N, C-alpha and C. Protein backbone atom coordinates (compact mmCIF):
# COMPACT_ATOMS: atom_id res chain seq x y z
N MET A 1 133.03 155.83 219.82
CA MET A 1 132.76 157.18 219.66
C MET A 1 133.74 158.15 219.34
N VAL A 2 134.95 157.66 219.99
CA VAL A 2 136.21 158.35 219.69
C VAL A 2 136.97 157.77 218.62
N GLU A 3 136.66 156.63 218.21
CA GLU A 3 137.47 156.35 216.79
C GLU A 3 136.67 157.10 215.88
N HIS A 4 135.64 157.58 215.85
CA HIS A 4 134.52 158.13 214.99
C HIS A 4 135.35 159.99 214.75
N ASN A 5 136.10 160.53 215.85
CA ASN A 5 136.36 161.58 216.26
C ASN A 5 137.85 161.42 215.91
N ILE A 6 138.65 160.60 215.91
CA ILE A 6 139.43 160.39 215.34
C ILE A 6 139.86 160.32 213.60
N MET A 7 138.89 159.78 213.19
CA MET A 7 138.69 159.48 211.84
C MET A 7 138.47 160.89 211.15
N ALA A 8 137.43 161.38 211.75
CA ALA A 8 137.49 162.45 211.21
C ALA A 8 138.22 163.75 210.77
N THR A 9 138.84 163.65 212.24
CA THR A 9 140.02 164.55 212.04
C THR A 9 141.06 164.57 211.60
N GLN A 10 141.37 163.30 210.71
CA GLN A 10 142.67 163.06 210.15
C GLN A 10 142.35 163.78 208.63
N ASP A 11 143.41 164.48 208.63
CA ASP A 11 143.87 165.14 206.97
C ASP A 11 143.60 164.26 205.88
N LEU A 12 142.42 163.75 204.99
CA LEU A 12 142.26 162.78 203.94
C LEU A 12 142.86 163.40 202.44
N SER A 13 143.35 164.74 202.52
CA SER A 13 144.13 165.27 201.51
C SER A 13 146.04 164.71 201.36
N SER A 14 145.98 164.53 202.33
CA SER A 14 147.46 164.14 202.44
C SER A 14 147.69 162.53 202.19
N PRO A 15 148.88 162.11 201.37
CA PRO A 15 149.05 160.81 201.01
C PRO A 15 149.55 160.09 202.15
N SER A 16 148.85 158.79 202.20
CA SER A 16 149.44 157.43 203.55
C SER A 16 150.81 157.29 203.21
N VAL A 17 151.12 156.68 204.45
CA VAL A 17 152.87 156.02 204.28
C VAL A 17 152.96 155.31 202.81
N ASP A 18 152.05 154.31 202.71
CA ASP A 18 152.05 153.23 201.26
C ASP A 18 151.76 154.12 199.99
N GLU A 19 150.78 155.48 200.08
CA GLU A 19 151.34 156.48 198.62
C GLU A 19 152.46 156.73 198.62
N LYS A 20 153.14 157.68 200.00
CA LYS A 20 154.40 157.77 199.75
C LYS A 20 155.48 157.00 199.52
N VAL A 21 155.56 156.02 199.75
CA VAL A 21 156.47 154.68 199.22
C VAL A 21 156.47 154.59 197.94
N ARG A 22 154.93 154.56 197.60
CA ARG A 22 154.75 154.19 195.87
C ARG A 22 155.33 155.40 195.26
N ILE A 23 154.58 156.68 195.89
CA ILE A 23 155.19 157.61 194.85
C ILE A 23 156.95 157.39 194.70
N SER A 24 157.57 157.40 195.94
CA SER A 24 158.84 157.56 195.85
C SER A 24 159.44 156.34 195.08
N HIS A 25 159.00 155.39 195.32
CA HIS A 25 159.19 154.20 194.36
C HIS A 25 158.94 154.37 192.77
N HIS A 26 158.08 154.86 192.37
CA HIS A 26 158.02 155.67 191.19
C HIS A 26 158.78 156.45 190.61
N GLU A 27 159.03 157.69 191.18
CA GLU A 27 160.08 158.85 191.22
C GLU A 27 161.44 157.97 190.88
N ASP A 28 161.90 156.60 191.34
CA ASP A 28 162.95 156.29 191.27
C ASP A 28 163.25 155.18 190.20
N LEU A 29 162.21 155.07 189.14
CA LEU A 29 162.19 154.29 188.21
C LEU A 29 162.21 155.08 186.81
N LYS A 30 161.36 156.64 187.38
CA LYS A 30 162.03 157.62 186.38
C LYS A 30 163.21 157.68 185.55
N HIS A 31 164.01 157.54 186.61
CA HIS A 31 165.61 158.03 186.71
C HIS A 31 166.43 156.84 186.24
N GLU A 32 165.85 155.73 185.52
CA GLU A 32 166.56 154.33 185.36
C GLU A 32 165.78 153.95 184.11
N THR A 33 167.26 153.00 183.46
CA THR A 33 166.43 152.23 181.95
C THR A 33 165.74 151.05 182.08
N VAL A 34 164.66 150.71 181.22
CA VAL A 34 163.72 149.71 181.11
C VAL A 34 164.85 148.53 181.52
N GLY A 35 165.52 148.24 180.89
CA GLY A 35 166.71 147.14 181.28
C GLY A 35 167.03 147.30 182.89
N GLU A 36 167.63 148.30 182.79
CA GLU A 36 167.81 148.31 185.03
C GLU A 36 166.86 147.79 185.38
N ALA A 37 165.62 148.56 185.27
CA ALA A 37 164.68 148.03 186.00
C ALA A 37 164.33 146.70 186.25
N ALA A 38 164.27 146.25 184.66
CA ALA A 38 163.87 144.70 184.84
C ALA A 38 165.20 143.83 185.89
N GLU A 39 166.54 144.12 185.29
CA GLU A 39 167.09 143.58 186.04
C GLU A 39 167.34 143.85 187.65
N ARG A 40 166.59 144.33 187.87
CA ARG A 40 166.62 144.69 189.66
C ARG A 40 164.81 144.11 190.04
N GLY A 41 164.27 143.79 188.87
CA GLY A 41 163.01 142.87 189.10
C GLY A 41 161.73 144.00 189.56
N HIS A 42 161.92 145.10 188.96
CA HIS A 42 160.86 146.23 188.86
C HIS A 42 159.75 145.67 187.75
N VAL A 43 160.33 145.34 186.43
CA VAL A 43 159.43 145.26 185.29
C VAL A 43 160.08 144.21 184.55
N ALA A 44 159.52 143.13 184.47
CA ALA A 44 159.87 141.98 183.80
C ALA A 44 159.14 141.91 182.11
N THR A 45 158.27 142.12 181.74
CA THR A 45 157.77 142.49 180.47
C THR A 45 157.18 143.85 179.97
N ASP A 46 157.24 144.16 178.44
CA ASP A 46 156.43 145.51 178.26
C ASP A 46 154.94 145.29 178.29
N VAL A 47 154.55 146.23 177.68
CA VAL A 47 153.30 146.20 177.64
C VAL A 47 152.32 144.82 177.07
N TYR A 48 152.87 144.11 176.07
CA TYR A 48 152.72 143.03 175.28
C TYR A 48 152.80 141.94 175.43
N GLY A 49 153.64 141.89 177.10
CA GLY A 49 154.19 140.72 177.70
C GLY A 49 155.28 140.17 177.01
N ASN A 50 156.31 140.92 176.25
CA ASN A 50 157.66 140.32 176.06
C ASN A 50 158.58 140.84 176.77
N SER A 51 159.54 140.10 177.08
CA SER A 51 160.41 139.96 178.27
C SER A 51 161.19 141.25 177.74
N LEU A 52 161.59 141.72 178.59
CA LEU A 52 162.53 142.76 178.78
C LEU A 52 164.21 142.58 179.13
N VAL A 53 164.40 141.59 179.81
CA VAL A 53 165.41 141.23 180.04
C VAL A 53 165.94 139.60 179.18
N HIS A 54 167.09 140.00 178.59
CA HIS A 54 167.39 139.01 177.72
C HIS A 54 168.73 138.03 178.14
N PHE A 55 168.79 137.04 177.86
CA PHE A 55 170.07 135.94 178.23
C PHE A 55 170.50 135.69 176.98
N ASP A 56 171.94 135.40 177.34
CA ASP A 56 172.69 134.75 176.19
C ASP A 56 172.21 133.11 176.36
N PRO A 57 171.89 132.84 174.80
CA PRO A 57 170.74 131.75 174.19
C PRO A 57 171.81 130.36 174.81
N LYS A 58 173.31 130.90 174.37
CA LYS A 58 174.21 129.49 174.56
C LYS A 58 174.32 129.36 175.77
N ALA A 59 174.33 130.15 177.14
CA ALA A 59 174.46 129.77 178.31
C ALA A 59 173.51 129.32 178.92
N GLU A 60 172.04 130.05 178.36
CA GLU A 60 170.54 129.23 178.73
C GLU A 60 170.75 127.82 178.39
N ALA A 61 171.18 127.75 176.88
CA ALA A 61 171.18 126.25 176.44
C ALA A 61 172.33 125.14 177.47
N ARG A 62 173.45 125.81 177.66
CA ARG A 62 174.12 125.21 178.50
C ARG A 62 173.62 124.64 179.90
N LEU A 63 172.72 125.58 180.43
CA LEU A 63 172.43 125.56 182.02
C LEU A 63 171.26 124.26 181.77
N ARG A 64 170.44 125.04 181.02
CA ARG A 64 168.95 123.83 180.28
C ARG A 64 169.66 122.31 180.34
N LEU A 65 170.95 121.92 179.93
CA LEU A 65 171.06 120.51 179.73
C LEU A 65 171.29 119.88 180.86
N LYS A 66 172.11 120.88 181.60
CA LYS A 66 172.83 120.26 182.88
C LYS A 66 171.82 120.28 183.37
N ILE A 67 170.95 121.01 183.80
CA ILE A 67 169.37 120.65 184.78
C ILE A 67 169.04 119.39 184.06
N ASP A 68 168.89 119.38 182.66
CA ASP A 68 168.07 118.19 182.28
C ASP A 68 168.95 116.80 182.57
N PHE A 69 170.20 117.12 182.45
CA PHE A 69 171.07 116.02 182.92
C PHE A 69 170.95 115.20 184.67
N MET A 70 170.39 116.15 185.26
CA MET A 70 170.51 116.11 186.87
C MET A 70 169.02 115.55 187.07
N ILE A 71 168.31 116.45 186.49
CA ILE A 71 166.83 115.78 187.07
C ILE A 71 165.85 115.02 186.31
N VAL A 72 166.18 114.51 185.34
CA VAL A 72 165.78 113.59 184.61
C VAL A 72 165.96 112.49 185.03
N PRO A 73 167.43 111.67 184.55
CA PRO A 73 167.33 110.25 185.59
C PRO A 73 166.92 110.30 186.99
N THR A 74 167.17 111.09 187.90
CA THR A 74 166.29 111.20 189.29
C THR A 74 165.01 111.07 189.37
N VAL A 75 164.45 111.55 188.32
CA VAL A 75 162.86 111.45 188.65
C VAL A 75 162.49 110.09 187.64
N ALA A 76 163.35 109.74 186.88
CA ALA A 76 162.52 108.50 186.12
C ALA A 76 162.95 107.38 187.13
N LEU A 77 163.92 107.43 187.73
CA LEU A 77 164.12 106.43 188.92
C LEU A 77 163.38 106.59 190.02
N LEU A 78 163.33 107.80 190.59
CA LEU A 78 161.81 107.77 191.20
C LEU A 78 160.83 107.25 190.96
N TYR A 79 160.51 107.20 189.71
CA TYR A 79 159.14 106.99 189.06
C TYR A 79 159.29 105.09 189.15
N LEU A 80 160.16 104.98 188.61
CA LEU A 80 160.43 103.10 188.93
C LEU A 80 160.36 102.71 190.21
N PHE A 81 161.05 103.17 191.15
CA PHE A 81 160.63 102.94 192.43
C PHE A 81 159.45 102.78 192.87
N CYS A 82 158.68 103.51 192.74
CA CYS A 82 157.01 104.11 192.81
C CYS A 82 156.09 102.96 191.95
N PHE A 83 156.91 102.69 191.15
CA PHE A 83 155.90 101.76 190.09
C PHE A 83 155.91 100.26 190.85
N ILE A 84 157.47 99.84 190.90
CA ILE A 84 158.05 98.74 191.49
C ILE A 84 156.84 98.37 193.11
N ASP A 85 156.75 99.61 193.74
CA ASP A 85 156.35 99.01 195.11
C ASP A 85 155.04 99.25 194.80
N ARG A 86 154.24 99.88 193.67
CA ARG A 86 152.79 99.95 193.74
C ARG A 86 152.41 98.47 193.35
N ALA A 87 153.39 97.79 192.77
CA ALA A 87 152.90 96.56 191.83
C ALA A 87 153.40 95.42 192.97
N ASN A 88 153.88 95.94 193.89
CA ASN A 88 154.43 94.57 195.05
C ASN A 88 153.64 95.09 196.16
N ILE A 89 152.86 96.09 196.66
CA ILE A 89 152.02 95.92 197.58
C ILE A 89 151.19 94.99 197.69
N GLY A 90 150.22 94.80 196.28
CA GLY A 90 149.23 93.82 196.40
C GLY A 90 150.03 92.51 196.71
N ASN A 91 151.06 92.05 196.18
CA ASN A 91 151.69 90.96 196.39
C ASN A 91 152.11 90.75 197.80
N ALA A 92 152.28 91.75 198.45
CA ALA A 92 152.62 91.55 199.81
C ALA A 92 151.20 91.66 200.59
N LYS A 93 150.26 91.69 200.19
CA LYS A 93 148.90 91.47 201.01
C LYS A 93 148.37 90.35 200.74
N ILE A 94 148.70 89.70 199.55
CA ILE A 94 148.59 87.98 199.10
C ILE A 94 149.47 87.29 200.13
N ALA A 95 150.77 87.69 200.30
CA ALA A 95 151.36 87.10 200.90
C ALA A 95 151.29 86.94 202.83
N GLY A 96 150.40 87.84 202.89
CA GLY A 96 150.07 87.82 204.67
C GLY A 96 150.51 89.07 205.32
N LEU A 97 150.93 89.98 204.70
CA LEU A 97 151.12 91.53 205.44
C LEU A 97 150.16 91.64 206.18
N GLU A 98 149.09 91.74 206.24
CA GLU A 98 148.10 91.90 207.47
C GLU A 98 148.20 91.00 208.44
N LYS A 99 148.71 89.84 208.37
CA LYS A 99 148.86 88.95 209.31
C LYS A 99 149.93 89.22 210.03
N ASP A 100 151.00 89.33 209.32
CA ASP A 100 152.52 89.71 209.55
C ASP A 100 152.14 91.05 210.90
N LEU A 101 151.59 92.13 210.50
CA LEU A 101 151.63 93.25 210.83
C LEU A 101 150.67 93.61 211.98
N GLY A 102 149.70 92.89 211.94
CA GLY A 102 148.19 92.80 212.85
C GLY A 102 147.61 93.90 212.47
N LEU A 103 147.58 93.85 210.81
CA LEU A 103 146.25 94.74 210.55
C LEU A 103 144.87 94.29 210.57
N VAL A 104 143.89 94.83 211.18
CA VAL A 104 142.68 94.66 211.11
C VAL A 104 141.55 95.49 210.55
N LYS A 105 140.78 95.15 210.11
CA LYS A 105 139.47 95.95 209.48
C LYS A 105 140.06 97.17 208.27
N TYR A 106 140.04 98.18 208.38
CA TYR A 106 141.02 98.97 207.54
C TYR A 106 141.98 99.48 207.42
N ASP A 107 143.06 98.91 207.97
CA ASP A 107 144.21 99.28 208.29
C ASP A 107 144.89 99.07 207.31
N TYR A 108 144.70 97.95 206.23
CA TYR A 108 145.33 97.86 205.31
C TYR A 108 145.00 99.15 204.07
N ASN A 109 143.79 99.28 204.19
CA ASN A 109 143.23 100.44 203.37
C ASN A 109 143.96 101.78 203.59
N THR A 110 144.05 102.13 204.95
CA THR A 110 144.75 103.30 205.40
C THR A 110 146.20 103.29 204.99
N VAL A 111 147.18 101.96 205.02
CA VAL A 111 148.18 102.16 204.48
C VAL A 111 148.79 102.18 203.04
N LEU A 112 147.38 101.65 202.48
CA LEU A 112 147.57 101.72 201.10
C LEU A 112 147.15 103.22 200.77
N SER A 113 146.34 103.86 201.16
CA SER A 113 145.85 105.17 200.70
C SER A 113 147.39 106.25 201.05
N VAL A 114 148.24 105.73 202.61
CA VAL A 114 149.29 106.62 202.65
C VAL A 114 150.18 106.61 201.95
N PHE A 115 150.48 105.01 201.55
CA PHE A 115 151.88 104.69 200.43
C PHE A 115 151.61 105.38 199.17
N TYR A 116 150.14 105.27 198.65
CA TYR A 116 149.58 105.95 197.21
C TYR A 116 150.37 107.58 197.39
N ILE A 117 150.19 108.26 198.36
CA ILE A 117 149.70 109.79 198.68
C ILE A 117 151.35 109.82 198.46
N SER A 118 152.08 109.39 199.30
CA SER A 118 153.73 109.61 199.49
C SER A 118 154.68 109.08 198.22
């Protein structure tokens, strides 16, 4: 009952704190150019989805090349190791993995599931 009285006495015509921040932020954006706003992360695209921030194409190409030279070989090596491990887990079972590790019932299936997920 007390909560209803408090709610009823609040002035609904005054903006809330969130609305004041939003209005203040909107007023700040009016005084800067679109490029400045985009650089600060406020506006990234125009109405049609075109980027408002433009980067140097040569610098972007150099950065992409550096990333490619670091990431692609690493991922390829990881993929190779995963393939070799998946091929060898079946061979290990045939060679006596369950007996050596003392796996019973569905332990091998659990190990295999964890192995494939990781």
